[in-house]
All heavy atoms as atom14 arrays in JSON, in Angstrom:
{
  "sequence": "LTANKESQHRPFRKSNRAFTPQGYFNELTDNRPLNEPDHYGNNLL",
  "atom14_mask": [
    [1, 1, 1, 1, 1, 1, 1, 1, 0, 0, 0, 0, 0, 0],
    [1, 1, 1, 1, 1, 1, 1, 0, 0, 0, 0, 0, 0, 0],
    [1, 1, 1, 1, 1, 0, 0, 0, 0, 0, 0, 0, 0, 0],
    [1, 1, 1, 1, 1, 1, 1, 1, 0, 0, 0, 0, 0, 0],
    [1, 1, 1, 1, 1, 1, 1, 1, 1, 0, 0, 0, 0, 0],
    [1, 1, 1, 1, 1, 1, 1, 1, 1, 0, 0, 0, 0, 0],
    [1, 1, 1, 1, 1, 1, 0, 0, 0, 0, 0, 0, 0, 0],
    [1, 1, 1, 1, 1, 1, 1, 1, 1, 0, 0, 0, 0, 0],
    [1, 1, 1, 1, 1, 1, 1, 1, 1, 1, 0, 0, 0, 0],
    [1, 1, 1, 1, 1, 1, 1, 1, 1, 1, 1, 0, 0, 0],
    [1, 1, 1, 1, 1, 1, 1, 0, 0, 0, 0, 0, 0, 0],
    [1, 1, 1, 1, 1, 1, 1, 1, 1, 1, 1, 0, 0, 0],
    [1, 1, 1, 1, 1, 1, 1, 1, 1, 1, 1, 0, 0, 0],
    [1, 1, 1, 1, 1, 1, 1, 1, 1, 0, 0, 0, 0, 0],
    [1, 1, 1, 1, 1, 1, 0, 0, 0, 0, 0, 0, 0, 0],
    [1, 1, 1, 1, 1, 1, 1, 1, 0, 0, 0, 0, 0, 0],
    [1, 1, 1, 1, 1, 1, 1, 1, 1, 1, 1, 0, 0, 0],
    [1, 1, 1, 1, 1, 0, 0, 0, 0, 0, 0, 0, 0, 0],
    [1, 1, 1, 1, 1, 1, 1, 1, 1, 1, 1, 0, 0, 0],
    [1, 1, 1, 1, 1, 1, 1, 0, 0, 0, 0, 0, 0, 0],
    [1, 1, 1, 1, 1, 1, 1, 0, 0, 0, 0, 0, 0, 0],
    [1, 1, 1, 1, 1, 1, 1, 1, 1, 0, 0, 0, 0, 0],
    [1, 1, 1, 1, 0, 0, 0, 0, 0, 0, 0, 0, 0, 0],
    [1, 1, 1, 1, 1, 1, 1, 1, 1, 1, 1, 1, 0, 0],
    [1, 1, 1, 1, 1, 1, 1, 1, 1, 1, 1, 0, 0, 0],
    [1, 1, 1, 1, 1, 1, 1, 1, 0, 0, 0, 0, 0, 0],
    [1, 1, 1, 1, 1, 1, 1, 1, 1, 0, 0, 0, 0, 0],
    [1, 1, 1, 1, 1, 1, 1, 1, 0, 0, 0, 0, 0, 0],
    [1, 1, 1, 1, 1, 1, 1, 0, 0, 0, 0, 0, 0, 0],
    [1, 1, 1, 1, 1, 1, 1, 1, 0, 0, 0, 0, 0, 0],
    [1, 1, 1, 1, 1, 1, 1, 1, 0, 0, 0, 0, 0, 0],
    [1, 1, 1, 1, 1, 1, 1, 1, 1, 1, 1, 0, 0, 0],
    [1, 1, 1, 1, 1, 1, 1, 0, 0, 0, 0, 0, 0, 0],
    [1, 1, 1, 1, 1, 1, 1, 1, 0, 0, 0, 0, 0, 0],
    [1, 1, 1, 1, 1, 1, 1, 1, 0, 0, 0, 0, 0, 0],
    [1, 1, 1, 1, 1, 1, 1, 1, 1, 0, 0, 0, 0, 0],
    [1, 1, 1, 1, 1, 1, 1, 0, 0, 0, 0, 0, 0, 0],
    [1, 1, 1, 1, 1, 1, 1, 1, 0, 0, 0, 0, 0, 0],
    [1, 1, 1, 1, 1, 1, 1, 1, 1, 1, 0, 0, 0, 0],
    [1, 1, 1, 1, 1, 1, 1, 1, 1, 1, 1, 1, 0, 0],
    [1, 1, 1, 1, 0, 0, 0, 0, 0, 0, 0, 0, 0, 0],
    [1, 1, 1, 1, 1, 1, 1, 1, 0, 0, 0, 0, 0, 0],
    [1, 1, 1, 1, 1, 1, 1, 1, 0, 0, 0, 0, 0, 0],
    [1, 1, 1, 1, 1, 1, 1, 1, 0, 0, 0, 0, 0, 0],
    [1, 1, 1, 1, 1, 1, 1, 1, 0, 0, 0, 0, 0, 0]
  ],
  "atom14_positions": [
    [[-106.4, -143.87, -75.66], [-106.52, -144.1, -74.21], [-106.26, -145.58, -73.97], [-107.02, -146.43, -74.31], [-107.84, -143.68, -73.71], [-108.34, -142.31, -73.94], [-109.73, -142.04, -73.45], [-107.39, -141.29, -73.25], [0.0, 0.0, 0.0], [0.0, 0.0, 0.0], [0.0, 0.0, 0.0], [0.0, 0.0, 0.0], [0.0, 0.0, 0.0], [0.0, 0.0, 0.0]],
    [[-105.09, -145.88, -73.24], [-104.64, -147.26, -73.07], [-104.38, -147.57, -71.66], [-103.76, -146.68, -70.96], [-103.52, -147.7, -74.0], [-102.39, -146.89, -73.62], [-103.86, -147.46, -75.44], [0.0, 0.0, 0.0], [0.0, 0.0, 0.0], [0.0, 0.0, 0.0], [0.0, 0.0, 0.0], [0.0, 0.0, 0.0], [0.0, 0.0, 0.0], [0.0, 0.0, 0.0]],
    [[-104.58, -148.74, -71.13], [-104.1, -149.34, -69.91], [-103.19, -150.44, -70.21], [-103.53, -151.28, -71.05], [-105.33, -149.79, -69.07], [0.0, 0.0, 0.0], [0.0, 0.0, 0.0], [0.0, 0.0, 0.0], [0.0, 0.0, 0.0], [0.0, 0.0, 0.0], [0.0, 0.0, 0.0], [0.0, 0.0, 0.0], [0.0, 0.0, 0.0], [0.0, 0.0, 0.0]],
    [[-102.02, -150.44, -69.54], [-100.98, -151.32, -69.93], [-100.39, -152.11, -68.67], [-100.38, -151.48, -67.56], [-99.78, -150.46, -70.58], [-100.25, -149.7, -71.7], [-100.43, -150.16, -72.81], [-100.53, -148.39, -71.37], [0.0, 0.0, 0.0], [0.0, 0.0, 0.0], [0.0, 0.0, 0.0], [0.0, 0.0, 0.0], [0.0, 0.0, 0.0], [0.0, 0.0, 0.0]],
    [[-99.86, -153.23, -68.94], [-99.25, -154.12, -67.91], [-97.96, -154.61, -68.51], [-97.93, -155.13, -69.59], [-100.07, -155.28, -67.35], [-99.38, -156.16, -66.43], [-100.15, -157.38, -66.19], [-99.36, -158.35, -65.2], [-98.09, -158.8, -65.75], [0.0, 0.0, 0.0], [0.0, 0.0, 0.0], [0.0, 0.0, 0.0], [0.0, 0.0, 0.0], [0.0, 0.0, 0.0]],
    [[-96.84, -154.48, -67.77], [-95.55, -154.94, -68.24], [-95.24, -156.29, -67.62], [-95.63, -156.62, -66.45], [-94.41, -153.96, -67.92], [-94.42, -152.7, -68.73], [-93.16, -152.01, -68.58], [-92.34, -152.35, -67.79], [-92.99, -151.04, -69.39], [0.0, 0.0, 0.0], [0.0, 0.0, 0.0], [0.0, 0.0, 0.0], [0.0, 0.0, 0.0], [0.0, 0.0, 0.0]],
    [[-94.41, -157.16, -68.36], [-94.05, -158.36, -67.88], [-92.92, -158.2, -66.88], [-92.05, -157.32, -66.95], [-93.52, -159.27, -68.99], [-92.79, -160.43, -68.56], [0.0, 0.0, 0.0], [0.0, 0.0, 0.0], [0.0, 0.0, 0.0], [0.0, 0.0, 0.0], [0.0, 0.0, 0.0], [0.0, 0.0, 0.0], [0.0, 0.0, 0.0], [0.0, 0.0, 0.0]],
    [[-92.92, -158.96, -65.81], [-91.86, -159.0, -64.84], [-90.48, -159.34, -65.46], [-89.45, -159.04, -64.92], [-92.17, -159.97, -63.67], [-93.28, -159.48, -62.78], [-92.78, -158.36, -61.87], [-91.59, -158.17, -61.74], [-93.74, -157.71, -61.28], [0.0, 0.0, 0.0], [0.0, 0.0, 0.0], [0.0, 0.0, 0.0], [0.0, 0.0, 0.0], [0.0, 0.0, 0.0]],
    [[-90.51, -160.12, -66.52], [-89.26, -160.55, -67.14], [-88.96, -159.83, -68.46], [-88.34, -160.36, -69.35], [-89.25, -162.07, -67.34], [-89.55, -162.75, -66.06], [-88.4, -162.98, -65.16], [-90.56, -163.41, -65.5], [-88.82, -163.68, -64.16], [-90.14, -163.94, -64.31], [0.0, 0.0, 0.0], [0.0, 0.0, 0.0], [0.0, 0.0, 0.0], [0.0, 0.0, 0.0]],
    [[-89.5, -158.7, -68.65], [-89.14, -158.0, -69.89], [-87.72, -157.51, -69.83], [-87.16, -157.15, -68.87], [-90.02, -156.59, -69.92], [-89.82, -155.88, -71.17], [-90.71, -154.61, -71.24], [-90.39, -153.69, -70.21], [-89.42, -152.71, -70.32], [-88.75, -152.6, -71.45], [-89.23, -151.85, -69.35], [0.0, 0.0, 0.0], [0.0, 0.0, 0.0], [0.0, 0.0, 0.0]],
    [[-86.97, -157.67, -70.97], [-85.62, -157.41, -70.97], [-85.3, -156.01, -70.53], [-86.03, -155.03, -70.84], [-85.17, -157.57, -72.43], [-86.19, -158.56, -72.93], [-87.44, -158.3, -72.23], [0.0, 0.0, 0.0], [0.0, 0.0, 0.0], [0.0, 0.0, 0.0], [0.0, 0.0, 0.0], [0.0, 0.0, 0.0], [0.0, 0.0, 0.0], [0.0, 0.0, 0.0]],
    [[-84.21, -155.86, -69.72], [-83.79, -154.53, -69.23], [-84.71, -153.82, -68.32], [-84.67, -152.67, -68.09], [-83.42, -153.5, -70.37], [-82.39, -154.14, -71.39], [-82.89, -154.56, -72.56], [-81.12, -154.31, -71.02], [-81.93, -155.1, -73.52], [-80.19, -154.83, -71.92], [-80.6, -155.22, -73.21], [0.0, 0.0, 0.0], [0.0, 0.0, 0.0], [0.0, 0.0, 0.0]],
    [[-85.64, -154.63, -67.75], [-86.65, -153.97, -66.8], [-86.01, -153.95, -65.47], [-85.35, -154.91, -64.96], [-87.9, -154.9, -66.71], [-88.84, -154.46, -65.65], [-90.02, -155.4, -65.74], [-90.85, -155.37, -64.42], [-91.71, -154.4, -64.18], [-91.96, -153.42, -65.04], [-92.38, -154.36, -63.01], [0.0, 0.0, 0.0], [0.0, 0.0, 0.0], [0.0, 0.0, 0.0]],
    [[-86.1, -152.76, -64.82], [-85.59, -152.61, -63.44], [-86.54, -153.26, -62.49], [-87.81, -153.22, -62.56], [-85.48, -151.05, -63.14], [-84.43, -150.43, -63.89], [-84.35, -148.96, -63.5], [-83.27, -148.18, -64.32], [-83.12, -146.83, -63.91], [0.0, 0.0, 0.0], [0.0, 0.0, 0.0], [0.0, 0.0, 0.0], [0.0, 0.0, 0.0], [0.0, 0.0, 0.0]],
    [[-86.0, -153.92, -61.4], [-86.85, -154.59, -60.43], [-86.31, -154.47, -59.01], [-85.25, -153.72, -58.85], [-86.94, -156.01, -60.79], [-85.64, -156.7, -60.64], [0.0, 0.0, 0.0], [0.0, 0.0, 0.0], [0.0, 0.0, 0.0], [0.0, 0.0, 0.0], [0.0, 0.0, 0.0], [0.0, 0.0, 0.0], [0.0, 0.0, 0.0], [0.0, 0.0, 0.0]],
    [[-86.83, -155.11, -58.05], [-86.38, -155.07, -56.75], [-85.32, -156.15, -56.43], [-85.24, -156.56, -55.3], [-87.57, -155.09, -55.69], [-88.29, -156.44, -55.92], [-88.06, -157.19, -56.84], [-89.31, -156.64, -54.98], [0.0, 0.0, 0.0], [0.0, 0.0, 0.0], [0.0, 0.0, 0.0], [0.0, 0.0, 0.0], [0.0, 0.0, 0.0], [0.0, 0.0, 0.0]],
    [[-84.6, -156.58, -57.4], [-83.48, -157.53, -57.21], [-82.2, -156.83, -57.46], [-82.09, -155.97, -58.29], [-83.64, -158.63, -58.19], [-84.89, -159.57, -57.96], [-84.96, -160.8, -58.84], [-84.95, -160.49, -60.19], [-84.78, -161.38, -61.22], [-84.75, -162.55, -60.93], [-84.79, -160.96, -62.42], [0.0, 0.0, 0.0], [0.0, 0.0, 0.0], [0.0, 0.0, 0.0]],
    [[-81.06, -157.23, -56.77], [-79.77, -156.64, -56.9], [-78.7, -157.66, -56.89], [-78.89, -158.82, -56.37], [-79.54, -155.62, -55.81], [0.0, 0.0, 0.0], [0.0, 0.0, 0.0], [0.0, 0.0, 0.0], [0.0, 0.0, 0.0], [0.0, 0.0, 0.0], [0.0, 0.0, 0.0], [0.0, 0.0, 0.0], [0.0, 0.0, 0.0], [0.0, 0.0, 0.0]],
    [[-77.56, -157.39, -57.56], [-76.43, -158.33, -57.5], [-75.69, -158.21, -56.12], [-75.57, -157.22, -55.53], [-75.41, -157.91, -58.55], [-75.77, -158.43, -59.84], [-76.21, -157.52, -60.79], [-75.59, -159.73, -60.16], [-76.6, -157.99, -62.1], [-75.88, -160.19, -61.46], [-76.44, -159.36, -62.44], [0.0, 0.0, 0.0], [0.0, 0.0, 0.0], [0.0, 0.0, 0.0]],
    [[-75.29, -159.47, -55.67], [-74.42, -159.51, -54.42], [-72.95, -159.32, -54.83], [-72.59, -159.42, -56.04], [-74.62, -160.86, -53.75], [-74.07, -161.92, -54.64], [-76.08, -161.1, -53.36], [0.0, 0.0, 0.0], [0.0, 0.0, 0.0], [0.0, 0.0, 0.0], [0.0, 0.0, 0.0], [0.0, 0.0, 0.0], [0.0, 0.0, 0.0], [0.0, 0.0, 0.0]],
    [[-72.07, -159.04, -53.94], [-70.6, -158.87, -54.37], [-70.12, -160.22, -54.97], [-69.24, -160.24, -55.75], [-69.92, -158.71, -53.0], [-70.98, -157.95, -52.13], [-72.32, -158.68, -52.56], [0.0, 0.0, 0.0], [0.0, 0.0, 0.0], [0.0, 0.0, 0.0], [0.0, 0.0, 0.0], [0.0, 0.0, 0.0], [0.0, 0.0, 0.0], [0.0, 0.0, 0.0]],
    [[-70.79, -161.31, -54.6], [-70.27, -162.61, -55.31], [-70.85, -162.82, -56.64], [-70.65, -163.84, -57.28], [-70.77, -163.84, -54.34], [-69.89, -163.84, -53.05], [-70.47, -162.92, -52.05], [-71.54, -162.41, -52.26], [-69.68, -162.56, -51.06], [0.0, 0.0, 0.0], [0.0, 0.0, 0.0], [0.0, 0.0, 0.0], [0.0, 0.0, 0.0], [0.0, 0.0, 0.0]],
    [[-71.77, -161.92, -57.12], [-72.31, -162.01, -58.46], [-73.65, -162.71, -58.52], [-74.18, -163.06, -59.59], [0.0, 0.0, 0.0], [0.0, 0.0, 0.0], [0.0, 0.0, 0.0], [0.0, 0.0, 0.0], [0.0, 0.0, 0.0], [0.0, 0.0, 0.0], [0.0, 0.0, 0.0], [0.0, 0.0, 0.0], [0.0, 0.0, 0.0], [0.0, 0.0, 0.0]],
    [[-74.31, -162.96, -57.37], [-75.59, -163.69, -57.37], [-76.72, -162.67, -57.04], [-76.51, -161.66, -56.46], [-75.58, -164.81, -56.26], [-74.56, -165.87, -56.59], [-73.34, -165.85, -55.89], [-74.81, -166.86, -57.5], [-72.41, -166.87, -56.04], [-73.91, -167.82, -57.84], [-72.7, -167.8, -56.96], [-71.79, -168.86, -57.32], [0.0, 0.0, 0.0], [0.0, 0.0, 0.0]],
    [[-77.85, -163.0, -57.54], [-79.07, -162.21, -57.29], [-79.52, -162.43, -55.83], [-79.59, -163.48, -55.31], [-80.21, -162.62, -58.19], [-80.0, -161.87, -59.52], [-79.86, -162.68, -60.63], [-80.11, -160.57, -59.66], [-79.64, -162.07, -61.9], [-80.03, -159.95, -60.91], [-79.7, -160.69, -62.05], [0.0, 0.0, 0.0], [0.0, 0.0, 0.0], [0.0, 0.0, 0.0]],
    [[-79.78, -161.34, -55.15], [-80.44, -161.39, -53.86], [-81.64, -160.45, -53.92], [-81.62, -159.37, -54.51], [-79.48, -160.94, -52.74], [-78.63, -162.03, -52.35], [-78.87, -163.25, -52.57], [-77.47, -161.67, -51.56], [0.0, 0.0, 0.0], [0.0, 0.0, 0.0], [0.0, 0.0, 0.0], [0.0, 0.0, 0.0], [0.0, 0.0, 0.0], [0.0, 0.0, 0.0]],
    [[-82.75, -160.89, -53.41], [-83.94, -160.06, -53.26], [-83.72, -159.04, -52.11], [-83.21, -159.32, -51.04], [-85.16, -160.94, -52.95], [-85.48, -161.94, -53.98], [-85.96, -161.23, -55.29], [-86.39, -160.13, -55.2], [-85.87, -161.86, -56.28], [0.0, 0.0, 0.0], [0.0, 0.0, 0.0], [0.0, 0.0, 0.0], [0.0, 0.0, 0.0], [0.0, 0.0, 0.0]],
    [[-84.03, -157.81, -52.43], [-83.86, -156.76, -51.59], [-85.09, -156.77, -50.55], [-86.22, -157.06, -50.98], [-83.87, -155.26, -52.19], [-82.67, -155.12, -53.09], [-82.74, -153.73, -53.8], [-81.33, -155.22, -52.33], [0.0, 0.0, 0.0], [0.0, 0.0, 0.0], [0.0, 0.0, 0.0], [0.0, 0.0, 0.0], [0.0, 0.0, 0.0], [0.0, 0.0, 0.0]],
    [[-84.76, -156.62, -49.35], [-85.88, -156.86, -48.3], [-86.57, -155.59, -48.09], [-87.69, -155.59, -47.56], [-85.18, -157.28, -47.06], [-84.28, -156.34, -46.66], [-84.51, -158.62, -47.18], [0.0, 0.0, 0.0], [0.0, 0.0, 0.0], [0.0, 0.0, 0.0], [0.0, 0.0, 0.0], [0.0, 0.0, 0.0], [0.0, 0.0, 0.0], [0.0, 0.0, 0.0]],
    [[-86.01, -154.41, -48.54], [-86.86, -153.23, -48.32], [-87.96, -153.05, -49.32], [-87.9, -153.68, -50.43], [-86.0, -152.0, -48.44], [-85.33, -151.82, -49.86], [-84.34, -152.61, -50.01], [-85.65, -150.96, -50.62], [0.0, 0.0, 0.0], [0.0, 0.0, 0.0], [0.0, 0.0, 0.0], [0.0, 0.0, 0.0], [0.0, 0.0, 0.0], [0.0, 0.0, 0.0]],
    [[-89.0, -152.5, -49.01], [-90.18, -152.45, -49.89], [-90.21, -151.07, -50.63], [-91.31, -150.53, -50.77], [-91.46, -152.55, -48.99], [-91.54, -153.93, -48.35], [-91.16, -154.98, -49.0], [-91.94, -154.02, -47.08], [0.0, 0.0, 0.0], [0.0, 0.0, 0.0], [0.0, 0.0, 0.0], [0.0, 0.0, 0.0], [0.0, 0.0, 0.0], [0.0, 0.0, 0.0]],
    [[-89.09, -150.75, -51.08], [-89.12, -149.48, -51.94], [-89.89, -149.63, -53.28], [-89.93, -150.8, -53.78], [-87.65, -148.99, -52.17], [-86.87, -150.0, -53.0], [-85.45, -149.46, -53.19], [-84.64, -150.4, -53.93], [-83.36, -150.23, -54.27], [-82.66, -149.1, -53.85], [-82.69, -151.04, -54.84], [0.0, 0.0, 0.0], [0.0, 0.0, 0.0], [0.0, 0.0, 0.0]],
    [[-90.53, -148.61, -53.74], [-91.39, -148.85, -55.02], [-90.49, -149.07, -56.25], [-89.37, -148.77, -56.24], [-92.1, -147.37, -55.13], [-91.18, -146.54, -54.35], [-90.58, -147.29, -53.26], [0.0, 0.0, 0.0], [0.0, 0.0, 0.0], [0.0, 0.0, 0.0], [0.0, 0.0, 0.0], [0.0, 0.0, 0.0], [0.0, 0.0, 0.0], [0.0, 0.0, 0.0]],
    [[-91.06, -149.8, -57.17], [-90.32, -150.01, -58.45], [-90.19, -148.75, -59.28], [-91.05, -147.87, -59.24], [-91.1, -151.0, -59.23], [-91.28, -152.48, -58.66], [-92.15, -153.4, -59.53], [-89.88, -153.05, -58.33], [0.0, 0.0, 0.0], [0.0, 0.0, 0.0], [0.0, 0.0, 0.0], [0.0, 0.0, 0.0], [0.0, 0.0, 0.0], [0.0, 0.0, 0.0]],
    [[-89.13, -148.61, -59.98], [-88.91, -147.57, -60.96], [-89.84, -147.63, -62.06], [-90.32, -146.59, -62.72], [-87.46, -147.49, -61.5], [-86.57, -147.06, -60.41], [-86.85, -146.28, -59.46], [-85.26, -147.64, -60.48], [0.0, 0.0, 0.0], [0.0, 0.0, 0.0], [0.0, 0.0, 0.0], [0.0, 0.0, 0.0], [0.0, 0.0, 0.0], [0.0, 0.0, 0.0]],
    [[-90.28, -148.82, -62.57], [-91.2, -149.02, -63.57], [-92.35, -149.89, -63.05], [-92.16, -151.03, -62.71], [-90.56, -149.81, -64.77], [-89.37, -149.01, -65.35], [-88.75, -149.71, -66.54], [-89.34, -150.75, -66.95], [-87.76, -149.21, -67.04], [0.0, 0.0, 0.0], [0.0, 0.0, 0.0], [0.0, 0.0, 0.0], [0.0, 0.0, 0.0], [0.0, 0.0, 0.0]],
    [[-93.58, -149.26, -63.02], [-94.67, -150.01, -62.38], [-95.18, -151.05, -63.32], [-94.88, -151.14, -64.52], [-95.75, -148.92, -62.32], [-95.39, -147.95, -63.4], [-93.88, -147.93, -63.42], [0.0, 0.0, 0.0], [0.0, 0.0, 0.0], [0.0, 0.0, 0.0], [0.0, 0.0, 0.0], [0.0, 0.0, 0.0], [0.0, 0.0, 0.0], [0.0, 0.0, 0.0]],
    [[-95.84, -152.07, -62.73], [-96.38, -153.19, -63.56], [-97.6, -152.7, -64.35], [-97.78, -153.17, -65.49], [-96.81, -154.25, -62.57], [-95.54, -154.97, -62.01], [-94.46, -154.89, -62.65], [-95.74, -155.67, -60.95], [0.0, 0.0, 0.0], [0.0, 0.0, 0.0], [0.0, 0.0, 0.0], [0.0, 0.0, 0.0], [0.0, 0.0, 0.0], [0.0, 0.0, 0.0]],
    [[-98.34, -151.83, -63.79], [-99.62, -151.31, -64.51], [-99.42, -149.82, -64.58], [-99.06, -149.1, -63.67], [-100.81, -151.67, -63.68], [-101.02, -153.21, -63.47], [-100.48, -153.9, -62.57], [-101.85, -154.05, -64.32], [-100.88, -155.11, -62.64], [-101.66, -155.22, -63.68], [0.0, 0.0, 0.0], [0.0, 0.0, 0.0], [0.0, 0.0, 0.0], [0.0, 0.0, 0.0]],
    [[-99.78, -149.31, -65.73], [-99.8, -147.83, -66.03], [-100.68, -147.44, -67.13], [-101.0, -148.32, -67.94], [-98.32, -147.43, -66.27], [-97.7, -147.97, -67.53], [-97.84, -147.37, -68.67], [-97.02, -149.14, -67.44], [-97.26, -147.84, -69.89], [-96.5, -149.73, -68.5], [-96.61, -149.05, -69.8], [-96.0, -149.56, -70.91], [0.0, 0.0, 0.0], [0.0, 0.0, 0.0]],
    [[-101.04, -146.34, -67.14], [-101.88, -145.7, -68.27], [-101.03, -144.96, -69.2], [-99.99, -144.36, -68.8], [0.0, 0.0, 0.0], [0.0, 0.0, 0.0], [0.0, 0.0, 0.0], [0.0, 0.0, 0.0], [0.0, 0.0, 0.0], [0.0, 0.0, 0.0], [0.0, 0.0, 0.0], [0.0, 0.0, 0.0], [0.0, 0.0, 0.0], [0.0, 0.0, 0.0]],
    [[-101.34, -144.93, -70.51], [-100.66, -144.17, -71.47], [-101.62, -143.5, -72.47], [-102.11, -144.15, -73.38], [-99.69, -144.99, -72.19], [-98.76, -144.22, -73.23], [-98.68, -143.0, -73.06], [-98.23, -144.86, -74.14], [0.0, 0.0, 0.0], [0.0, 0.0, 0.0], [0.0, 0.0, 0.0], [0.0, 0.0, 0.0], [0.0, 0.0, 0.0], [0.0, 0.0, 0.0]],
    [[-102.1, -142.29, -72.12], [-103.07, -141.66, -72.92], [-102.43, -140.41, -73.67], [-101.71, -139.67, -73.19], [-104.16, -141.04, -71.96], [-104.82, -142.2, -71.08], [-104.93, -143.26, -71.6], [-105.16, -141.88, -69.84], [0.0, 0.0, 0.0], [0.0, 0.0, 0.0], [0.0, 0.0, 0.0], [0.0, 0.0, 0.0], [0.0, 0.0, 0.0], [0.0, 0.0, 0.0]],
    [[-102.88, -140.42, -74.94], [-102.24, -139.43, -75.86], [-103.3, -138.63, -76.66], [-104.41, -139.2, -76.98], [-101.39, -140.17, -76.95], [-100.06, -140.76, -76.46], [-99.45, -141.62, -77.52], [-99.06, -139.72, -76.08], [0.0, 0.0, 0.0], [0.0, 0.0, 0.0], [0.0, 0.0, 0.0], [0.0, 0.0, 0.0], [0.0, 0.0, 0.0], [0.0, 0.0, 0.0]],
    [[-103.01, -137.46, -76.94], [-103.8, -136.55, -77.72], [-102.88, -135.75, -78.51], [-102.23, -134.81, -78.04], [-104.79, -135.7, -76.87], [-105.66, -134.7, -77.68], [-106.62, -135.46, -78.65], [-106.43, -133.8, -76.76], [0.0, 0.0, 0.0], [0.0, 0.0, 0.0], [0.0, 0.0, 0.0], [0.0, 0.0, 0.0], [0.0, 0.0, 0.0], [0.0, 0.0, 0.0]]
  ]
}
């Protein structure tokens, strides 16, 4: 039974940032939920 927190800068982590056509990062202004939460439980039996 574990409680876990992921780093915001974990490699290949999906976030609420996206590339612009010019190749720069822009923060998305919509408040859609992250695909990978920062905190989650992982319980196994």
